[in-house]
Protein backbone atom coordinates (compact mmCIF):
# COMPACT_ATOMS: atom_id res chain seq x y z
CA MET A 1 -79.71 74.57 -127.36
CA ILE A 2 -78.26 77.49 -125.77
CA LYS A 3 -74.96 75.59 -126.77
CA LYS A 4 -75.76 75.90 -129.89
CA ILE A 5 -76.60 79.59 -129.79
CA GLY A 6 -73.21 80.41 -128.32
CA ILE A 7 -71.30 78.62 -130.64
CA GLY A 8 -73.16 80.28 -133.47
CA ALA A 9 -72.25 83.59 -131.99
CA ILE A 10 -68.76 82.73 -131.38
CA ALA A 11 -68.75 81.72 -135.12
CA LEU A 12 -70.62 85.17 -136.22
CA VAL A 13 -68.03 86.80 -134.29
CA ALA A 14 -64.93 84.82 -135.77
CA ILE A 15 -66.38 85.66 -139.60
CA ILE A 16 -66.71 89.60 -138.96
CA ILE A 17 -63.15 89.55 -137.29
CA ALA A 18 -61.57 87.53 -140.30
CA GLY A 19 -63.80 89.55 -142.77
CA TYR A 20 -62.81 93.61 -141.45
CA TRP A 21 -58.88 91.77 -140.90
CA GLY A 22 -59.21 91.07 -144.70
CA PHE A 23 -60.84 94.07 -145.79
CA ASP A 24 -58.38 96.07 -144.01
CA GLN A 25 -55.43 94.25 -145.32
CA LEU A 26 -56.48 94.64 -148.50
CA GLY A 27 -56.38 98.18 -148.39
CA GLY A 28 -60.21 99.26 -147.20
CA ASN A 29 -58.58 101.82 -144.02
CA THR A 30 -55.90 103.17 -146.23
CA PRO A 31 -57.00 107.47 -146.15
CA ILE A 32 -56.91 108.94 -149.53
CA GLU A 33 -54.05 111.53 -149.63
CA ILE A 34 -54.70 114.48 -151.30
CA SER A 35 -52.17 117.34 -152.40
CA ILE A 36 -51.74 120.27 -154.25
CA ILE A 37 -49.63 120.47 -157.60
CA GLU A 38 -48.46 123.43 -158.47
CA ASN A 39 -48.47 122.47 -162.22
CA HIS A 40 -50.79 122.13 -165.77
CA PRO A 41 -52.59 118.97 -165.56
CA PRO A 42 -50.99 116.98 -168.04
CA THR A 43 -52.03 117.42 -171.66
CA LEU A 44 -54.34 114.12 -172.94
CA VAL A 45 -54.53 112.81 -176.08
CA GLY A 46 -57.64 110.21 -176.80
CA ILE A 47 -61.37 109.59 -177.85
CA HIS A 48 -64.79 111.39 -176.39
CA PHE A 49 -67.08 108.51 -175.99
CA ARG A 50 -71.38 109.45 -176.13
CA GLY A 51 -73.49 106.24 -175.67
CA THR A 52 -74.63 103.30 -173.72
CA PRO A 53 -72.02 101.07 -172.06
CA GLN A 54 -72.86 98.02 -173.76
CA ASP A 55 -71.77 99.67 -177.85
CA PRO A 56 -69.03 98.19 -178.74
CA VAL A 57 -67.59 101.12 -179.67
CA LEU A 58 -66.80 101.80 -176.46
CA GLU A 59 -64.61 98.71 -175.96
CA ARG A 60 -63.43 99.84 -179.81
CA ALA A 61 -62.42 102.93 -177.88
CA PHE A 62 -60.61 101.89 -174.41
CA LYS A 63 -59.02 99.23 -176.60
CA SER A 64 -57.74 102.06 -179.24
CA VAL A 65 -56.27 103.85 -176.49
CA GLU A 66 -54.79 100.88 -174.64
CA ALA A 67 -52.73 100.32 -177.74
CA GLN A 68 -51.60 103.54 -178.31
CA LYS A 69 -50.31 103.36 -174.30
CA GLY A 70 -48.20 100.22 -175.31
CA LEU A 71 -47.02 102.32 -178.00
CA HIS A 72 -45.76 105.28 -175.59
CA PRO A 73 -44.10 103.77 -172.94
CA GLY A 74 -44.18 105.44 -169.41
CA SER A 75 -47.40 107.03 -170.48
CA SER A 76 -50.67 106.26 -168.17
CA LEU A 77 -54.21 105.67 -169.35
CA HIS A 78 -56.65 108.24 -168.06
CA THR A 79 -60.41 108.79 -167.63
CA ILE A 80 -62.87 111.87 -167.71
CA TYR A 81 -66.87 110.92 -167.01
CA TYR A 82 -68.74 113.94 -167.71
CA SER A 83 -71.99 111.91 -167.25
CA GLU A 84 -71.57 108.25 -165.45
CA PRO A 85 -74.91 105.80 -166.22
CA ALA A 86 -76.69 104.67 -163.75
CA GLY A 87 -77.63 101.79 -166.16
CA LYS A 88 -76.86 99.92 -168.71
CA LEU A 89 -78.74 101.13 -170.73
CA ASP A 90 -78.14 104.80 -169.61
CA THR A 91 -76.17 107.61 -171.78
CA MET A 92 -72.21 108.29 -170.70
CA GLU A 93 -70.00 110.52 -171.92
CA VAL A 94 -66.33 109.59 -171.55
CA PHE A 95 -63.00 110.89 -173.04
CA ILE A 96 -60.66 108.13 -172.96
CA GLY A 97 -56.89 109.07 -173.10
CA ILE A 98 -52.98 108.76 -171.89
CA ASP A 99 -50.93 111.81 -171.44
CA GLN A 100 -49.16 112.46 -174.32
CA LYS A 101 -47.92 115.81 -175.72
CA LEU A 102 -47.87 115.01 -179.15
CA PRO A 103 -50.90 114.14 -181.67
CA ILE A 104 -52.07 110.79 -182.55
CA GLU A 105 -53.91 110.13 -185.78
CA ASP A 106 -57.58 110.43 -185.42
CA PHE A 107 -57.12 111.40 -181.13
CA GLU A 108 -58.47 114.60 -180.03
CA VAL A 109 -56.30 116.43 -178.16
CA MET A 110 -56.83 117.59 -174.41
CA ASP A 111 -54.81 120.49 -173.25
CA PHE A 112 -55.31 122.23 -169.89
CA LYS A 113 -55.26 125.79 -169.34
CA GLU A 114 -55.11 125.60 -165.39
CA THR A 115 -52.12 125.94 -163.27
CA SER A 116 -52.76 123.92 -160.32
CA PHE A 117 -54.69 120.99 -159.32
CA LEU A 118 -55.76 118.45 -156.83
CA LEU A 119 -53.98 115.57 -157.00
CA ALA A 120 -56.28 112.42 -154.71
CA SER A 121 -53.74 109.52 -154.83
CA ILE A 122 -55.69 105.91 -153.58
CA LYS A 123 -53.49 103.07 -152.84
CA SER A 124 -55.79 99.64 -152.15
CA ASN A 125 -57.25 96.61 -153.77
CA LYS A 126 -59.57 97.07 -156.54
CA TRP A 127 -62.23 95.54 -154.23
CA VAL A 128 -62.25 97.68 -151.64
CA MET A 129 -61.08 101.18 -153.38
CA PRO A 130 -63.69 103.50 -153.02
CA ASN A 131 -66.21 104.33 -156.03
CA PRO A 132 -65.25 107.41 -157.92
CA THR A 133 -68.20 109.73 -156.17
CA THR A 134 -66.56 108.94 -152.82
CA VAL A 135 -63.38 110.61 -153.85
CA GLN A 136 -64.67 113.64 -155.36
CA GLU A 137 -66.55 114.42 -152.39
CA LYS A 138 -63.58 114.07 -150.92
CA LEU A 139 -61.93 116.12 -153.28
CA LYS A 140 -64.40 118.73 -152.96
CA GLU A 141 -64.38 118.66 -149.34
CA TYR A 142 -60.84 119.79 -149.48
CA ALA A 143 -61.16 122.43 -151.42
CA LEU A 144 -64.10 124.21 -149.51
CA GLN A 145 -61.87 123.36 -146.75
CA HIS A 146 -58.73 125.75 -148.48
CA ASP A 147 -61.16 128.01 -150.15
CA ILE A 148 -59.87 126.43 -153.41
CA GLN A 149 -62.56 126.81 -156.80
CA LEU A 150 -62.38 123.32 -158.23
CA THR A 151 -63.51 123.29 -162.06
CA GLY A 152 -65.59 120.33 -161.52
CA ILE A 153 -63.46 118.22 -164.09
CA PHE A 154 -62.18 115.11 -162.62
CA ILE A 155 -59.48 113.10 -164.26
CA ASP A 156 -58.83 109.45 -163.51
CA LYS A 157 -55.51 108.01 -163.81
CA ILE A 158 -54.89 104.38 -163.94
CA VAL A 159 -51.56 103.79 -162.39
CA SER A 160 -51.54 100.49 -161.60
CA LYS A 161 -54.07 98.01 -160.24
CA SER A 162 -53.74 99.05 -156.86
CA GLU A 163 -53.27 102.77 -157.70
CA VAL A 164 -55.58 105.45 -159.14
CA GLN A 165 -54.92 108.93 -158.74
CA VAL A 166 -57.54 111.11 -159.75
CA LEU A 167 -56.74 114.68 -160.77
CA ALA A 168 -59.36 118.03 -160.46
CA PRO A 169 -57.71 121.23 -161.94
CA ILE A 170 -58.41 124.37 -160.23
CA GLN A 171 -60.12 127.71 -161.59
């Protein structure tokens, strides 16, 4: 009986160590890098959506913006969540766009007057990437520590499958 408990304990410790090692290898312990960028946030063109996450209009909006991204090499997908849903039936409000200075038919242009912003860079696998609330809290902490006033808008920029940047315009 004691042998079985000992073997079980060793197996449990081995699983915990392997799990932590895997988490670390995927980038789970990679810190969020925050810097101040002395430049206007990029001009975005895209679609504003208000509704539920299950609404087919949201899927069409993402596909439409992705199609424009394909037509404009070098552009990146950006999202601004004004209100995130807590569940599948909750109302959400989001702007989905690409960084493009020229207007695109049926897309609205979002231009920012701010002259600087905080940039948070997150590089890790999507399975261990910090959630948006965690990143926003880190940006708010940084702003508080450096006596910076943020506008309250957080622009998520999808750089690649393993890199996301969050831009927080400074007032």
